Amino acid sequence: MYKKNIIKIVIVVFAAIISMILAIAIKKKNEDKHDEEASLLALSWSEREEKVYPEIFGTMPTDICQPADDSTSGLSNPFEDTPDEYSGLGFELVIRCAERSPWVFGLLFNLMGYALHSGNAFEKGHRMALNGPILQGSNSALTTVLLWPPMGMPDTFALSSGNVKLLEVIGITDDEYEYAKKNSSQDLYNHVKKMPDFPLMNIHRKSCLRDN
């Protein structure tokens, strides 16, 4: 009887040791996975901010009255710990303006928030109504945005975590929006790109179709 109890105790202790070893191994594996994911995120972030963006946009001006290219940063952050065809949502947004203004950051922030909350990736030719003027409280005729590869810039770039599309945010009017619905975003873009200020966003411009 004594020997049987000893054997039972040994078995229980052995099982406890095995369970402890397995728990430690699982914890270590999860920690390693977390470290790999954090490393890929950190690497991709560094590549985008310190290499890719400076090559595309150059040094951002400190004078608020200078022309500027303002872009999102984070939509292409990887979701997983391994590279994929596209990094994160697979795109970033850019707006080119005659001068840097707070409304630009607000618009990019709202578009970024929508994309992250919905998980929907924007694509070339997508149109999104803003439910009002592009600059709230103004009489701007631009009430919708058209997304299109930026003229004179790379439309894609690569990170260690995957590829990223670059899409320009172009403000359009109500009648331009209806024209694109009836015809196509490509047809509308062919008109918009002929505007004098293009590709700079001019929130005071009239419809490019007004004489058509």
C-alpha atoms as a PDB file:
ATOM      1  CA  MET A   1       0.000   0.000   0.000  1.00  0.00           C
ATOM      2  CA  TYR A   2       2.847   2.358   0.906  1.00  0.00           C
ATOM      3  CA  LYS A   3       4.622   1.620  -2.399  1.00  0.00           C
ATOM      4  CA  LYS A   4       1.424   2.257  -4.371  1.00  0.00           C
ATOM      5  CA  ASN A   5       1.004   5.667  -2.707  1.00  0.00           C
ATOM      6  CA  ILE A   6       4.636   6.524  -3.505  1.00  0.00           C
ATOM      7  CA  ILE A   7       4.076   5.570  -7.143  1.00  0.00           C
ATOM      8  CA  LYS A   8       0.934   7.734  -7.291  1.00  0.00           C
ATOM      9  CA  ILE A   9       2.796  10.681  -5.785  1.00  0.00           C
ATOM     10  CA  VAL A  10       5.645  10.278  -8.278  1.00  0.00           C
ATOM     11  CA  ILE A  11       3.185  10.151 -11.187  1.00  0.00           C
ATOM     12  CA  VAL A  12       1.373  13.285  -9.967  1.00  0.00           C
ATOM     13  CA  VAL A  13       4.647  15.170  -9.491  1.00  0.00           C
ATOM     14  CA  PHE A  14       5.900  14.040 -12.900  1.00  0.00           C
ATOM     15  CA  ALA A  15       2.645  15.171 -14.554  1.00  0.00           C
ATOM     16  CA  ALA A  16       2.883  18.521 -12.784  1.00  0.00           C
ATOM     17  CA  ILE A  17       6.460  18.973 -14.020  1.00  0.00           C
ATOM     18  CA  ILE A  18       5.457  18.111 -17.600  1.00  0.00           C
ATOM     19  CA  SER A  19       2.533  20.555 -17.418  1.00  0.00           C
ATOM     20  CA  MET A  20       4.840  23.286 -16.107  1.00  0.00           C
ATOM     21  CA  ILE A  21       7.356  22.670 -18.910  1.00  0.00           C
ATOM     22  CA  LEU A  22       4.600  22.820 -21.547  1.00  0.00           C
ATOM     23  CA  ALA A  23       3.200  26.046 -20.041  1.00  0.00           C
ATOM     24  CA  ILE A  24       6.655  27.650 -20.091  1.00  0.00           C
ATOM     25  CA  ALA A  25       7.199  26.532 -23.705  1.00  0.00           C
ATOM     26  CA  ILE A  26       3.820  27.934 -24.809  1.00  0.00           C
ATOM     27  CA  LYS A  27       4.480  31.220 -23.008  1.00  0.00           C
ATOM     28  CA  LYS A  28       7.926  31.487 -24.626  1.00  0.00           C
ATOM     29  CA  LYS A  29       6.427  30.777 -28.070  1.00  0.00           C
ATOM     30  CA  ASN A  30       3.787  33.499 -27.580  1.00  0.00           C
ATOM     31  CA  GLU A  31       6.429  35.955 -26.376  1.00  0.00           C
ATOM     32  CA  ASP A  32       8.602  35.181 -29.392  1.00  0.00           C
ATOM     33  CA  LYS A  33       5.615  35.671 -31.706  1.00  0.00           C
ATOM     34  CA  HIS A  34       4.829  39.014 -30.039  1.00  0.00           C
ATOM     35  CA  ASP A  35       8.469  40.087 -30.382  1.00  0.00           C
ATOM     36  CA  GLU A  36       8.509  39.113 -34.071  1.00  0.00           C
ATOM     37  CA  GLU A  37       5.304  41.054 -34.697  1.00  0.00           C
ATOM     38  CA  ALA A  38       6.613  44.086 -32.840  1.00  0.00           C
ATOM     39  CA  SER A  39       9.891  43.840 -34.760  1.00  0.00           C
ATOM     40  CA  LEU A  40       8.143  43.700 -38.148  1.00  0.00           C
ATOM     41  CA  LEU A  41       5.948  46.664 -37.198  1.00  0.00           C
ATOM     42  CA  ALA A  42       8.954  48.642 -35.985  1.00  0.00           C
ATOM     43  CA  LEU A  43      10.956  47.767 -39.101  1.00  0.00           C
ATOM     44  CA  SER A  44       8.137  48.679 -41.487  1.00  0.00           C
ATOM     45  CA  TRP A  45       7.417  51.916 -39.626  1.00  0.00           C
ATOM     46  CA  SER A  46      11.088  52.889 -39.783  1.00  0.00           C
ATOM     47  CA  GLU A  47      11.316  52.072 -43.489  1.00  0.00           C
ATOM     48  CA  ARG A  48       8.243  54.150 -44.314  1.00  0.00           C
ATOM     49  CA  GLU A  49       9.039  57.184 -42.154  1.00  0.00           C
ATOM     50  CA  GLU A  50      12.807  57.356 -42.505  1.00  0.00           C
ATOM     51  CA  LYS A  51      13.381  56.100 -46.048  1.00  0.00           C
ATOM     52  CA  VAL A  52      10.316  55.901 -48.282  1.00  0.00           C
ATOM     53  CA  TYR A  53       8.496  59.113 -47.330  1.00  0.00           C
ATOM     54  CA  PRO A  54      11.590  61.329 -47.474  1.00  0.00           C
ATOM     55  CA  GLU A  55      12.370  59.902 -50.926  1.00  0.00           C
ATOM     56  CA  ILE A  56       8.836  60.592 -52.168  1.00  0.00           C
ATOM     57  CA  PHE A  57       7.954  63.841 -50.397  1.00  0.00           C
ATOM     58  CA  GLY A  58      11.346  65.295 -49.493  1.00  0.00           C
ATOM     59  CA  THR A  59      11.703  67.463 -46.392  1.00  0.00           C
ATOM     60  CA  MET A  60       8.417  68.870 -45.165  1.00  0.00           C
ATOM     61  CA  PRO A  61       8.384  72.704 -45.218  1.00  0.00           C
ATOM     62  CA  THR A  62       8.327  74.545 -41.911  1.00  0.00           C
ATOM     63  CA  ASP A  63       6.634  77.589 -43.452  1.00  0.00           C
ATOM     64  CA  ILE A  64       2.873  77.020 -43.364  1.00  0.00           C
ATOM     65  CA  CYS A  65       2.457  79.157 -46.502  1.00  0.00           C
ATOM     66  CA  GLN A  66       4.600  76.874 -48.629  1.00  0.00           C
ATOM     67  CA  PRO A  67       3.120  74.134 -50.846  1.00  0.00           C
ATOM     68  CA  ALA A  68       3.083  70.818 -49.025  1.00  0.00           C
ATOM     69  CA  ASP A  69       2.291  67.155 -49.513  1.00  0.00           C
ATOM     70  CA  ASP A  70       0.505  65.842 -46.420  1.00  0.00           C
ATOM     71  CA  SER A  71      -0.025  62.117 -46.044  1.00  0.00           C
ATOM     72  CA  THR A  72      -1.394  59.527 -43.669  1.00  0.00           C
ATOM     73  CA  SER A  73       0.950  57.222 -41.788  1.00  0.00           C
ATOM     74  CA  GLY A  74      -0.220  53.968 -40.246  1.00  0.00           C
ATOM     75  CA  LEU A  75      -2.740  52.544 -42.702  1.00  0.00           C
ATOM     76  CA  SER A  76       0.064  50.336 -43.989  1.00  0.00           C
ATOM     77  CA  ASN A  77       1.130  49.106 -40.538  1.00  0.00           C
ATOM     78  CA  PRO A  78       1.230  45.271 -40.659  1.00  0.00           C
ATOM     79  CA  PHE A  79      -1.496  43.357 -38.840  1.00  0.00           C
ATOM     80  CA  GLU A  80       0.399  40.074 -38.677  1.00  0.00           C
ATOM     81  CA  ASP A  81       3.900  38.969 -37.710  1.00  0.00           C
ATOM     82  CA  THR A  82       4.707  37.738 -41.215  1.00  0.00           C
ATOM     83  CA  PRO A  83       4.947  39.679 -44.506  1.00  0.00           C
ATOM     84  CA  ASP A  84       1.957  39.618 -46.849  1.00  0.00           C
ATOM     85  CA  GLU A  85       1.231  40.786 -50.386  1.00  0.00           C
ATOM     86  CA  TYR A  86      -0.004  44.094 -48.984  1.00  0.00           C
ATOM     87  CA  SER A  87       1.044  45.641 -45.691  1.00  0.00           C
ATOM     88  CA  GLY A  88      -1.843  46.471 -43.331  1.00  0.00           C
ATOM     89  CA  LEU A  89      -4.729  47.922 -45.311  1.00  0.00           C
ATOM     90  CA  GLY A  90      -2.338  48.223 -48.231  1.00  0.00           C
ATOM     91  CA  PHE A  91      -2.509  51.958 -48.887  1.00  0.00           C
ATOM     92  CA  GLU A  92      -1.698  55.445 -47.641  1.00  0.00           C
ATOM     93  CA  LEU A  93      -3.330  58.756 -48.603  1.00  0.00           C
ATOM     94  CA  VAL A  94      -1.816  62.044 -49.719  1.00  0.00           C
ATOM     95  CA  ILE A  95      -3.213  65.557 -50.266  1.00  0.00           C
ATOM     96  CA  ARG A  96      -1.286  68.260 -52.109  1.00  0.00           C
ATOM     97  CA  CYS A  97      -2.192  71.839 -51.237  1.00  0.00           C
ATOM     98  CA  ALA A  98      -0.960  75.345 -52.002  1.00  0.00           C
ATOM     99  CA  GLU A  99      -0.380  75.818 -48.281  1.00  0.00           C
ATOM    100  CA  ARG A 100      -0.611  73.703 -45.153  1.00  0.00           C
ATOM    101  CA  SER A 101      -3.949  74.112 -43.381  1.00  0.00           C
ATOM    102  CA  PRO A 102      -5.588  72.424 -40.366  1.00  0.00           C
ATOM    103  CA  TRP A 103      -8.534  71.193 -42.456  1.00  0.00           C
ATOM    104  CA  VAL A 104      -6.132  69.009 -44.476  1.00  0.00           C
ATOM    105  CA  PHE A 105      -5.103  67.068 -41.383  1.00  0.00           C
ATOM    106  CA  GLY A 106      -8.730  66.822 -40.282  1.00  0.00           C
ATOM    107  CA  LEU A 107      -9.795  65.376 -43.624  1.00  0.00           C
ATOM    108  CA  LEU A 108      -6.946  62.855 -43.679  1.00  0.00           C
ATOM    109  CA  PHE A 109      -7.700  61.905 -40.061  1.00  0.00           C
ATOM    110  CA  ASN A 110     -11.395  61.287 -40.858  1.00  0.00           C
ATOM    111  CA  LEU A 111     -10.619  59.214 -43.958  1.00  0.00           C
ATOM    112  CA  MET A 112      -8.015  57.257 -42.016  1.00  0.00           C
ATOM    113  CA  GLY A 113     -10.454  56.675 -39.159  1.00  0.00           C
ATOM    114  CA  TYR A 114     -13.121  55.395 -41.547  1.00  0.00           C
ATOM    115  CA  ALA A 115     -10.688  52.989 -43.203  1.00  0.00           C
ATOM    116  CA  LEU A 116      -9.357  51.601 -39.912  1.00  0.00           C
ATOM    117  CA  HIS A 117     -12.815  51.304 -38.332  1.00  0.00           C
ATOM    118  CA  SER A 118     -14.457  49.658 -41.349  1.00  0.00           C
ATOM    119  CA  GLY A 119     -11.454  47.660 -42.511  1.00  0.00           C
ATOM    120  CA  ASN A 120     -12.288  48.708 -46.064  1.00  0.00           C
ATOM    121  CA  ALA A 121      -9.328  49.377 -48.325  1.00  0.00           C
ATOM    122  CA  PHE A 122      -9.589  52.323 -50.697  1.00  0.00           C
ATOM    123  CA  GLU A 123      -8.811  51.724 -54.355  1.00  0.00           C
ATOM    124  CA  LYS A 124      -8.135  53.806 -57.453  1.00  0.00           C
ATOM    125  CA  GLY A 125     -11.339  55.498 -58.588  1.00  0.00           C
ATOM    126  CA  HIS A 126     -13.207  55.222 -55.289  1.00  0.00           C
ATOM    127  CA  ARG A 127     -15.416  58.201 -54.449  1.00  0.00           C
ATOM    128  CA  MET A 128     -16.654  59.211 -50.995  1.00  0.00           C
ATOM    129  CA  ALA A 129     -19.196  61.908 -50.157  1.00  0.00           C
ATOM    130  CA  LEU A 130     -18.258  64.174 -47.253  1.00  0.00           C
ATOM    131  CA  ASN A 131     -21.813  65.240 -46.319  1.00  0.00           C
ATOM    132  CA  GLY A 132     -20.903  68.887 -46.735  1.00  0.00           C
ATOM    133  CA  PRO A 133     -18.116  71.179 -47.949  1.00  0.00           C
ATOM    134  CA  ILE A 134     -14.587  69.802 -47.769  1.00  0.00           C
ATOM    135  CA  LEU A 135     -13.843  72.680 -45.375  1.00  0.00           C
ATOM    136  CA  GLN A 136     -16.650  72.650 -42.821  1.00  0.00           C
ATOM    137  CA  GLY A 137     -18.476  75.946 -42.494  1.00  0.00           C
ATOM    138  CA  SER A 138     -17.178  77.252 -45.820  1.00  0.00           C
ATOM    139  CA  ASN A 139     -18.928  77.737 -49.152  1.00  0.00           C
ATOM    140  CA  SER A 140     -16.497  75.411 -50.959  1.00  0.00           C
ATOM    141  CA  ALA A 141     -18.146  73.553 -53.835  1.00  0.00           C
ATOM    142  CA  LEU A 142     -15.990  70.476 -53.121  1.00  0.00           C
ATOM    143  CA  THR A 143     -18.210  68.002 -51.300  1.00  0.00           C
ATOM    144  CA  THR A 144     -16.796  64.616 -52.326  1.00  0.00           C
ATOM    145  CA  VAL A 145     -13.337  63.107 -52.662  1.00  0.00           C
ATOM    146  CA  LEU A 146     -11.987  61.049 -55.523  1.00  0.00           C
ATOM    147  CA  LEU A 147      -9.054  58.718 -54.846  1.00  0.00           C
ATOM    148  CA  TRP A 148      -6.462  58.363 -57.585  1.00  0.00           C
ATOM    149  CA  PRO A 149      -2.767  57.459 -57.972  1.00  0.00           C
ATOM    150  CA  PRO A 150      -0.779  60.687 -57.534  1.00  0.00           C
ATOM    151  CA  MET A 151       0.512  62.377 -60.655  1.00  0.00           C
ATOM    152  CA  GLY A 152       4.304  62.665 -60.729  1.00  0.00           C
ATOM    153  CA  MET A 153       4.798  60.376 -57.735  1.00  0.00           C
ATOM    154  CA  PRO A 154       5.277  56.620 -57.302  1.00  0.00           C
ATOM    155  CA  ASP A 155       1.861  54.993 -56.948  1.00  0.00           C
ATOM    156  CA  THR A 156       3.267  52.081 -54.930  1.00  0.00           C
ATOM    157  CA  PHE A 157       6.124  51.390 -52.559  1.00  0.00           C
ATOM    158  CA  ALA A 158       7.401  48.302 -50.789  1.00  0.00           C
ATOM    159  CA  LEU A 159       7.997  47.649 -47.094  1.00  0.00           C
ATOM    160  CA  SER A 160       9.387  44.521 -45.451  1.00  0.00           C
ATOM    161  CA  SER A 161       5.793  43.760 -44.406  1.00  0.00           C
ATOM    162  CA  GLY A 162       4.340  44.050 -47.939  1.00  0.00           C
ATOM    163  CA  ASN A 163       3.406  46.416 -50.733  1.00  0.00           C
ATOM    164  CA  VAL A 164       1.604  49.743 -50.264  1.00  0.00           C
ATOM    165  CA  LYS A 165      -0.452  51.803 -52.715  1.00  0.00           C
ATOM    166  CA  LEU A 166      -0.311  55.583 -52.609  1.00  0.00           C
ATOM    167  CA  LEU A 167      -3.619  57.307 -53.352  1.00  0.00           C
ATOM    168  CA  GLU A 168      -4.191  61.020 -53.778  1.00  0.00           C
ATOM    169  CA  VAL A 169      -7.270  62.652 -52.277  1.00  0.00           C
ATOM    170  CA  ILE A 170      -8.877  64.914 -54.889  1.00  0.00           C
ATOM    171  CA  GLY A 171     -11.816  67.145 -53.985  1.00  0.00           C
ATOM    172  CA  ILE A 172     -14.698  67.153 -56.478  1.00  0.00           C
ATOM    173  CA  THR A 173     -18.029  68.986 -56.790  1.00  0.00           C
ATOM    174  CA  ASP A 174     -21.553  67.582 -56.770  1.00  0.00           C
ATOM    175  CA  ASP A 175     -21.933  67.737 -60.549  1.00  0.00           C
ATOM    176  CA  GLU A 176     -18.487  66.176 -61.029  1.00  0.00           C
ATOM    177  CA  TYR A 177     -19.548  63.358 -58.733  1.00  0.00           C
ATOM    178  CA  GLU A 178     -22.712  62.792 -60.758  1.00  0.00           C
ATOM    179  CA  TYR A 179     -20.663  62.877 -63.952  1.00  0.00           C
ATOM    180  CA  ALA A 180     -18.356  60.174 -62.596  1.00  0.00           C
ATOM    181  CA  LYS A 181     -21.341  58.024 -61.613  1.00  0.00           C
ATOM    182  CA  LYS A 182     -22.822  58.373 -65.088  1.00  0.00           C
ATOM    183  CA  ASN A 183     -19.538  57.852 -66.924  1.00  0.00           C
ATOM    184  CA  SER A 184     -16.514  56.773 -64.871  1.00  0.00           C
ATOM    185  CA  SER A 185     -13.923  58.043 -62.424  1.00  0.00           C
ATOM    186  CA  GLN A 186     -11.368  57.884 -65.243  1.00  0.00           C
ATOM    187  CA  ASP A 187     -13.478  60.186 -67.426  1.00  0.00           C
ATOM    188  CA  LEU A 188     -13.841  62.665 -64.583  1.00  0.00           C
ATOM    189  CA  TYR A 189     -10.136  62.534 -63.748  1.00  0.00           C
ATOM    190  CA  ASN A 190      -9.322  63.366 -67.360  1.00  0.00           C
ATOM    191  CA  HIS A 191     -11.261  66.624 -66.870  1.00  0.00           C
ATOM    192  CA  VAL A 192     -10.061  67.450 -63.354  1.00  0.00           C
ATOM    193  CA  LYS A 193      -6.372  67.071 -64.176  1.00  0.00           C
ATOM    194  CA  LYS A 194      -6.719  69.917 -66.712  1.00  0.00           C
ATOM    195  CA  MET A 195      -7.611  72.417 -63.985  1.00  0.00           C
ATOM    196  CA  PRO A 196      -4.988  75.195 -63.607  1.00  0.00           C
ATOM    197  CA  ASP A 197      -4.008  74.347 -60.015  1.00  0.00           C
ATOM    198  CA  PHE A 198      -3.941  70.583 -60.401  1.00  0.00           C
ATOM    199  CA  PRO A 199      -2.590  68.551 -58.652  1.00  0.00           C
ATOM    200  CA  LEU A 200      -2.779  71.111 -55.822  1.00  0.00           C
ATOM    201  CA  MET A 201      -6.113  71.070 -54.016  1.00  0.00           C
ATOM    202  CA  ASN A 202      -7.921  74.391 -54.494  1.00  0.00           C
ATOM    203  CA  ILE A 203     -10.984  74.386 -52.248  1.00  0.00           C
ATOM    204  CA  HIS A 204     -12.274  77.566 -53.914  1.00  0.00           C
ATOM    205  CA  ARG A 205     -12.369  76.198 -57.445  1.00  0.00           C
ATOM    206  CA  LYS A 206     -15.558  75.820 -59.435  1.00  0.00           C
ATOM    207  CA  SER A 207     -16.646  72.726 -61.307  1.00  0.00           C
ATOM    208  CA  CYS A 208     -14.367  71.646 -64.120  1.00  0.00           C
ATOM    209  CA  LEU A 209     -17.551  70.847 -66.084  1.00  0.00           C
ATOM    210  CA  ARG A 210     -19.069  74.320 -65.907  1.00  0.00           C
ATOM    211  CA  ASP A 211     -18.192  75.090 -69.543  1.00  0.00           C
ATOM    212  CA  ASN A 212     -19.073  71.591 -70.820  1.00  0.00           C
END
